[in-house]
Structure formats: C-alpha cells, structure tokens
Amino acid sequence: MTDERPCCAEAAARMVKKLTIGRSEVGIANLENVLKEVAEMKLTDDDAVKRELLKRVRIYNYVAASANDEYAGALLKEYKRPVRRQV
C-alpha cells in the first residue's frame, strides 16, 4: 500500500471520493489509492477484485457487514470505469 498521508485536514478531505452505494452517495477515503493498488495486482476474476477492493477500502472506511455486497458491486463498477484501465 502507499504511504501517502495527508498533511492536514484539507489534504485529507481531498482524498475522499464520492461513490454511489445503493441509493446513497458515500464518501470513501483513499479510494484512488485503493483502485490503483488493486489494478497493479492485475487480477482477472471479478470476485477476487471485489474481495480485494473491499478488504482495502475497509482499512480506511467503516463498511457494515450487511452492506458488503452493495459496496463490493459499487467498487467493482468504479474499478472497471475506462479511466482505471491505464495500469
């Protein structure tokens, strides 16, 4: 994982990206780094990608167990956006 740490509250706020989970918009801390890290793993199985994304997102964010599937699906969708294919 990257050791990038924010220097102040403003920098920390820039590291939070909004993602639609179900019908809600949620701020996910460190999402860009998580997406890059998982892309570097070059996983090909969607289930493995979802597991890894969720595992890493949970390091920086609270994810209720009952929301695992919704988060995993939304994270995979964000991961598969064409912009993410640059790794």
N, C-alpha and C. Protein backbone atom coordinates (compact mmCIF):
# COMPACT_ATOMS: atom_id res chain seq x y z
N MET A 1 0.84 -1.18 0.00
CA MET A 1 0.00 0.00 0.00
C MET A 1 0.88 1.24 0.00
N THR A 2 0.33 2.32 -0.46
CA THR A 2 1.10 3.55 -0.48
C THR A 2 1.16 4.14 0.91
N ASP A 3 2.22 4.89 1.17
CA ASP A 3 2.38 5.53 2.47
C ASP A 3 1.95 6.98 2.41
N GLU A 4 1.18 7.34 1.41
CA GLU A 4 0.73 8.71 1.27
C GLU A 4 -0.18 9.06 2.43
N ARG A 5 0.22 10.07 3.17
CA ARG A 5 -0.58 10.52 4.31
C ARG A 5 -0.86 12.00 4.14
N PRO A 6 -2.06 12.41 4.45
CA PRO A 6 -2.38 13.83 4.32
C PRO A 6 -1.64 14.66 5.36
N CYS A 7 -1.29 15.86 4.96
CA CYS A 7 -0.56 16.75 5.87
C CYS A 7 -1.50 17.55 6.76
N CYS A 8 -2.76 17.66 6.34
CA CYS A 8 -3.71 18.47 7.09
C CYS A 8 -5.14 18.02 6.76
N ALA A 9 -6.09 18.61 7.43
CA ALA A 9 -7.49 18.23 7.21
C ALA A 9 -7.92 18.49 5.77
N GLU A 10 -7.45 19.58 5.19
CA GLU A 10 -7.81 19.89 3.81
C GLU A 10 -7.28 18.82 2.85
N ALA A 11 -6.06 18.38 3.05
CA ALA A 11 -5.49 17.33 2.20
C ALA A 11 -6.23 16.02 2.41
N ALA A 12 -6.61 15.73 3.64
CA ALA A 12 -7.36 14.50 3.93
C ALA A 12 -8.71 14.53 3.22
N ALA A 13 -9.35 15.69 3.21
CA ALA A 13 -10.66 15.82 2.54
C ALA A 13 -10.52 15.58 1.04
N ARG A 14 -9.41 15.96 0.46
CA ARG A 14 -9.20 15.72 -0.98
C ARG A 14 -9.04 14.24 -1.30
N MET A 15 -8.69 13.44 -0.31
CA MET A 15 -8.51 12.01 -0.52
C MET A 15 -9.83 11.25 -0.42
N VAL A 16 -10.92 11.94 -0.13
CA VAL A 16 -12.24 11.31 -0.05
C VAL A 16 -12.96 11.51 -1.37
N LYS A 17 -13.40 10.42 -1.97
CA LYS A 17 -14.15 10.46 -3.22
C LYS A 17 -15.54 9.92 -2.98
N LYS A 18 -16.49 10.52 -3.66
CA LYS A 18 -17.88 10.09 -3.52
C LYS A 18 -18.17 8.92 -4.45
N LEU A 19 -18.95 7.98 -3.94
CA LEU A 19 -19.32 6.79 -4.69
C LEU A 19 -20.77 6.47 -4.35
N THR A 20 -21.55 6.09 -5.35
CA THR A 20 -22.94 5.73 -5.12
C THR A 20 -23.00 4.28 -4.68
N ILE A 21 -23.53 4.08 -3.47
CA ILE A 21 -23.70 2.74 -2.90
C ILE A 21 -25.21 2.56 -2.72
N GLY A 22 -25.79 1.67 -3.48
CA GLY A 22 -27.24 1.52 -3.43
C GLY A 22 -27.89 2.80 -3.90
N ARG A 23 -28.68 3.40 -3.03
CA ARG A 23 -29.34 4.67 -3.38
C ARG A 23 -28.70 5.86 -2.68
N SER A 24 -27.57 5.65 -2.03
CA SER A 24 -26.91 6.70 -1.27
C SER A 24 -25.55 7.05 -1.87
N GLU A 25 -25.15 8.28 -1.68
CA GLU A 25 -23.82 8.70 -2.07
C GLU A 25 -22.96 8.71 -0.81
N VAL A 26 -21.82 8.02 -0.87
CA VAL A 26 -20.98 7.82 0.30
C VAL A 26 -19.57 8.32 -0.01
N GLY A 27 -18.94 8.96 0.96
CA GLY A 27 -17.55 9.37 0.81
C GLY A 27 -16.64 8.22 1.19
N ILE A 28 -15.73 7.87 0.29
CA ILE A 28 -14.80 6.77 0.53
C ILE A 28 -13.39 7.36 0.62
N ALA A 29 -12.77 7.23 1.79
CA ALA A 29 -11.42 7.73 1.98
C ALA A 29 -10.41 6.84 1.26
N ASN A 30 -9.45 7.48 0.62
CA ASN A 30 -8.32 6.80 -0.04
C ASN A 30 -8.74 5.91 -1.20
N LEU A 31 -9.86 6.17 -1.82
CA LEU A 31 -10.37 5.32 -2.90
C LEU A 31 -9.43 5.27 -4.09
N GLU A 32 -8.89 6.40 -4.49
CA GLU A 32 -8.00 6.41 -5.66
C GLU A 32 -6.79 5.50 -5.46
N ASN A 33 -6.20 5.56 -4.27
CA ASN A 33 -5.04 4.70 -4.00
C ASN A 33 -5.43 3.23 -3.98
N VAL A 34 -6.58 2.92 -3.40
CA VAL A 34 -7.05 1.54 -3.36
C VAL A 34 -7.25 1.01 -4.78
N LEU A 35 -7.88 1.81 -5.63
CA LEU A 35 -8.12 1.39 -7.02
C LEU A 35 -6.80 1.13 -7.74
N LYS A 36 -5.83 2.00 -7.55
CA LYS A 36 -4.53 1.83 -8.20
C LYS A 36 -3.81 0.58 -7.69
N GLU A 37 -3.84 0.40 -6.38
CA GLU A 37 -3.17 -0.77 -5.79
C GLU A 37 -3.75 -2.07 -6.32
N VAL A 38 -5.07 -2.15 -6.39
CA VAL A 38 -5.70 -3.38 -6.87
C VAL A 38 -5.44 -3.56 -8.37
N ALA A 39 -5.45 -2.48 -9.13
CA ALA A 39 -5.16 -2.58 -10.57
C ALA A 39 -3.75 -3.12 -10.79
N GLU A 40 -2.81 -2.72 -9.96
CA GLU A 40 -1.44 -3.20 -10.08
C GLU A 40 -1.33 -4.70 -9.82
N MET A 41 -2.29 -5.27 -9.14
CA MET A 41 -2.29 -6.71 -8.86
C MET A 41 -2.66 -7.52 -10.10
N LYS A 42 -3.28 -6.86 -11.07
CA LYS A 42 -3.67 -7.49 -12.34
C LYS A 42 -4.53 -8.74 -12.15
N LEU A 43 -5.50 -8.64 -11.24
CA LEU A 43 -6.43 -9.74 -11.01
C LEU A 43 -7.41 -9.81 -12.18
N THR A 44 -7.81 -11.01 -12.57
CA THR A 44 -8.72 -11.17 -13.70
C THR A 44 -10.12 -11.61 -13.29
N ASP A 45 -10.26 -12.19 -12.13
CA ASP A 45 -11.54 -12.69 -11.65
C ASP A 45 -12.28 -11.58 -10.90
N ASP A 46 -13.50 -11.26 -11.34
CA ASP A 46 -14.27 -10.19 -10.70
C ASP A 46 -14.48 -10.41 -9.21
N ASP A 47 -14.71 -11.64 -8.80
CA ASP A 47 -14.91 -11.92 -7.37
C ASP A 47 -13.64 -11.63 -6.58
N ALA A 48 -12.48 -11.96 -7.14
CA ALA A 48 -11.21 -11.68 -6.47
C ALA A 48 -10.98 -10.17 -6.39
N VAL A 49 -11.33 -9.46 -7.44
CA VAL A 49 -11.19 -7.99 -7.46
C VAL A 49 -12.10 -7.39 -6.40
N LYS A 50 -13.35 -7.83 -6.34
CA LYS A 50 -14.28 -7.29 -5.35
C LYS A 50 -13.78 -7.54 -3.93
N ARG A 51 -13.30 -8.75 -3.67
CA ARG A 51 -12.78 -9.07 -2.33
C ARG A 51 -11.62 -8.16 -1.95
N GLU A 52 -10.71 -7.98 -2.89
CA GLU A 52 -9.52 -7.16 -2.62
C GLU A 52 -9.89 -5.69 -2.44
N LEU A 53 -10.78 -5.19 -3.29
CA LEU A 53 -11.22 -3.80 -3.14
C LEU A 53 -11.88 -3.58 -1.78
N LEU A 54 -12.78 -4.45 -1.43
CA LEU A 54 -13.50 -4.32 -0.16
C LEU A 54 -12.53 -4.43 1.03
N LYS A 55 -11.61 -5.36 0.95
CA LYS A 55 -10.63 -5.53 2.03
C LYS A 55 -9.83 -4.25 2.24
N ARG A 56 -9.39 -3.64 1.15
CA ARG A 56 -8.57 -2.43 1.26
C ARG A 56 -9.40 -1.20 1.63
N VAL A 57 -10.61 -1.10 1.13
CA VAL A 57 -11.46 0.03 1.49
C VAL A 57 -11.78 0.00 2.97
N ARG A 58 -11.95 -1.18 3.53
CA ARG A 58 -12.28 -1.31 4.95
C ARG A 58 -11.14 -0.87 5.86
N ILE A 59 -9.94 -0.77 5.35
CA ILE A 59 -8.82 -0.28 6.15
C ILE A 59 -9.06 1.18 6.53
N TYR A 60 -9.63 1.95 5.62
CA TYR A 60 -9.80 3.39 5.80
C TYR A 60 -11.23 3.82 6.08
N ASN A 61 -12.20 2.92 5.90
CA ASN A 61 -13.61 3.27 6.00
C ASN A 61 -14.39 2.19 6.73
N TYR A 62 -15.44 2.61 7.43
CA TYR A 62 -16.33 1.64 8.04
C TYR A 62 -17.31 1.13 6.98
N VAL A 63 -17.41 -0.17 6.88
CA VAL A 63 -18.39 -0.80 5.98
C VAL A 63 -19.16 -1.82 6.81
N ALA A 64 -20.44 -1.59 6.97
CA ALA A 64 -21.27 -2.54 7.72
C ALA A 64 -21.30 -3.88 6.99
N ALA A 65 -21.26 -4.95 7.74
CA ALA A 65 -21.28 -6.28 7.13
C ALA A 65 -22.50 -6.47 6.23
N SER A 66 -23.61 -5.89 6.62
CA SER A 66 -24.83 -6.03 5.83
C SER A 66 -24.76 -5.29 4.49
N ALA A 67 -23.77 -4.42 4.34
CA ALA A 67 -23.62 -3.65 3.10
C ALA A 67 -22.47 -4.15 2.23
N ASN A 68 -21.84 -5.25 2.61
CA ASN A 68 -20.70 -5.76 1.86
C ASN A 68 -20.98 -5.92 0.37
N ASP A 69 -22.09 -6.57 0.04
CA ASP A 69 -22.39 -6.82 -1.37
C ASP A 69 -22.61 -5.54 -2.15
N GLU A 70 -23.32 -4.58 -1.55
CA GLU A 70 -23.55 -3.31 -2.24
C GLU A 70 -22.24 -2.56 -2.45
N TYR A 71 -21.41 -2.52 -1.43
CA TYR A 71 -20.11 -1.85 -1.56
C TYR A 71 -19.26 -2.55 -2.61
N ALA A 72 -19.18 -3.87 -2.53
CA ALA A 72 -18.35 -4.62 -3.47
C ALA A 72 -18.79 -4.37 -4.91
N GLY A 73 -20.08 -4.37 -5.15
CA GLY A 73 -20.59 -4.11 -6.50
C GLY A 73 -20.27 -2.71 -6.98
N ALA A 74 -20.45 -1.72 -6.12
CA ALA A 74 -20.16 -0.34 -6.49
C ALA A 74 -18.66 -0.12 -6.69
N LEU A 75 -17.85 -0.74 -5.86
CA LEU A 75 -16.40 -0.62 -6.01
C LEU A 75 -15.93 -1.26 -7.32
N LEU A 76 -16.49 -2.41 -7.64
CA LEU A 76 -16.12 -3.07 -8.90
C LEU A 76 -16.51 -2.21 -10.10
N LYS A 77 -17.68 -1.62 -10.03
CA LYS A 77 -18.14 -0.75 -11.12
C LYS A 77 -17.18 0.44 -11.29
N GLU A 78 -16.77 1.04 -10.19
CA GLU A 78 -15.82 2.15 -10.25
C GLU A 78 -14.47 1.68 -10.77
N TYR A 79 -14.04 0.52 -10.33
CA TYR A 79 -12.77 -0.07 -10.77
C TYR A 79 -12.75 -0.30 -12.28
N LYS A 80 -13.87 -0.70 -12.83
CA LYS A 80 -13.95 -1.04 -14.25
C LYS A 80 -14.18 0.16 -15.16
N ARG A 81 -14.36 1.32 -14.58
CA ARG A 81 -14.51 2.51 -15.42
C ARG A 81 -13.31 2.61 -16.35
N PRO A 82 -13.50 3.02 -17.59
CA PRO A 82 -12.41 3.06 -18.57
C PRO A 82 -11.15 3.78 -18.10
N VAL A 83 -11.27 4.78 -17.29
CA VAL A 83 -10.12 5.53 -16.81
C VAL A 83 -9.19 4.63 -16.00
N ARG A 84 -9.74 3.65 -15.33
CA ARG A 84 -8.96 2.76 -14.46
C ARG A 84 -8.09 1.78 -15.25
N ARG A 85 -8.32 1.61 -16.51
CA ARG A 85 -7.60 0.62 -17.31
C ARG A 85 -6.20 1.06 -17.69
N GLN A 86 -5.71 2.17 -17.18
CA GLN A 86 -4.42 2.71 -17.58
C GLN A 86 -3.23 2.02 -16.93
N VAL A 87 -3.45 1.13 -15.98
CA VAL A 87 -2.32 0.47 -15.29
C VAL A 87 -1.81 -0.67 -16.11
